[in-house]
């Protein structure tokens, strides 16, 4: 029987990196509680839920910061 080699990495030019709330708070220089407030208000990119944990795409956060931290809750009446 012929074995199939499964790649261990995704062949992309830029790898996605998921970061936790502590890392996001450090990137923004705010508390972790403030990150959750921003998330709950729809003011930042939505995290991915992994089990009971929130993880953010590092590149999406960096792009959001570079764009001046615009609202991310399109169409919400707030």
Protein backbone atom coordinates (compact mmCIF):
# COMPACT_ATOMS: atom_id res chain seq x y z
CA UNK A 1 0.00 0.00 0.00
CA UNK A 2 1.32 3.42 -0.95
CA UNK A 3 1.66 5.97 1.86
CA UNK A 4 0.46 9.51 1.34
CA UNK A 5 2.53 12.27 2.84
CA UNK A 6 0.33 14.88 4.53
CA UNK A 7 1.87 18.36 4.74
CA UNK A 8 2.27 19.70 8.27
CA UNK A 9 2.08 23.34 7.22
CA UNK A 10 -0.21 25.31 4.98
CA UNK A 11 1.69 26.59 1.96
CA UNK A 12 1.04 30.32 2.14
CA UNK A 13 3.28 33.34 1.90
CA UNK A 14 2.07 34.65 5.23
CA UNK A 15 1.02 32.26 7.98
CA UNK A 16 -2.00 33.08 10.11
CA UNK A 17 -1.15 33.44 13.75
CA UNK A 18 -3.81 33.32 16.44
CA UNK A 19 -3.21 35.33 19.59
CA UNK A 20 -4.97 35.36 22.94
CA UNK A 21 -6.54 38.28 24.80
CA UNK A 22 -3.33 39.02 26.69
CA UNK A 23 -1.40 39.46 23.43
CA UNK A 24 -4.13 41.68 21.96
CA UNK A 25 -4.18 43.78 25.14
CA UNK A 26 -0.41 44.19 24.86
CA UNK A 27 -0.70 45.25 21.21
CA UNK A 28 -3.26 47.90 22.19
CA UNK A 29 -1.60 48.82 25.51
CA UNK A 30 -4.88 48.29 27.39
CA UNK A 31 -6.19 45.80 29.95
CA UNK A 32 -7.62 42.43 28.98
CA UNK A 33 -10.97 43.57 30.36
CA UNK A 34 -10.93 46.53 27.95
CA UNK A 35 -10.29 44.15 25.03
CA UNK A 36 -13.42 42.21 26.03
CA UNK A 37 -15.37 45.49 26.25
CA UNK A 38 -14.26 46.42 22.73
CA UNK A 39 -15.21 42.94 21.48
CA UNK A 40 -18.63 43.02 23.16
CA UNK A 41 -19.37 46.48 21.73
CA UNK A 42 -18.40 45.39 18.20
CA UNK A 43 -15.56 47.89 18.07
CA UNK A 44 -12.84 45.44 17.05
CA UNK A 45 -12.48 42.38 14.80
CA UNK A 46 -14.38 39.35 16.06
CA UNK A 47 -12.33 36.57 17.63
CA UNK A 48 -12.46 32.91 16.74
CA UNK A 49 -13.91 30.68 19.44
CA UNK A 50 -11.76 27.66 20.18
CA UNK A 51 -13.53 25.71 22.86
CA UNK A 52 -14.07 28.24 25.60
CA UNK A 53 -11.23 30.49 24.45
CA UNK A 54 -11.13 33.55 22.21
CA UNK A 55 -8.31 33.87 19.70
CA UNK A 56 -7.73 36.74 17.27
CA UNK A 57 -5.93 36.65 13.95
CA UNK A 58 -2.79 38.67 14.63
CA UNK A 59 -2.68 40.09 11.10
CA UNK A 60 -6.33 41.20 11.29
CA UNK A 61 -5.61 43.04 14.55
CA UNK A 62 -2.52 44.72 13.10
CA UNK A 63 -4.48 45.82 10.01
CA UNK A 64 -7.29 47.11 12.21
CA UNK A 65 -4.81 49.15 14.28
CA UNK A 66 -3.12 50.49 11.10
CA UNK A 67 -6.55 51.58 9.79
CA UNK A 68 -7.13 53.65 12.93
CA UNK A 69 -9.27 51.13 14.85
CA UNK A 70 -12.56 51.64 12.94
CA UNK A 71 -15.83 50.13 14.20
CA UNK A 72 -16.29 46.54 13.10
CA UNK A 73 -20.03 46.15 13.77
CA UNK A 74 -21.38 47.20 10.37
CA UNK A 75 -25.03 48.21 10.56
CA UNK A 76 -25.41 48.18 14.33
CA UNK A 77 -27.47 50.92 15.95
CA UNK A 78 -25.19 51.99 18.78
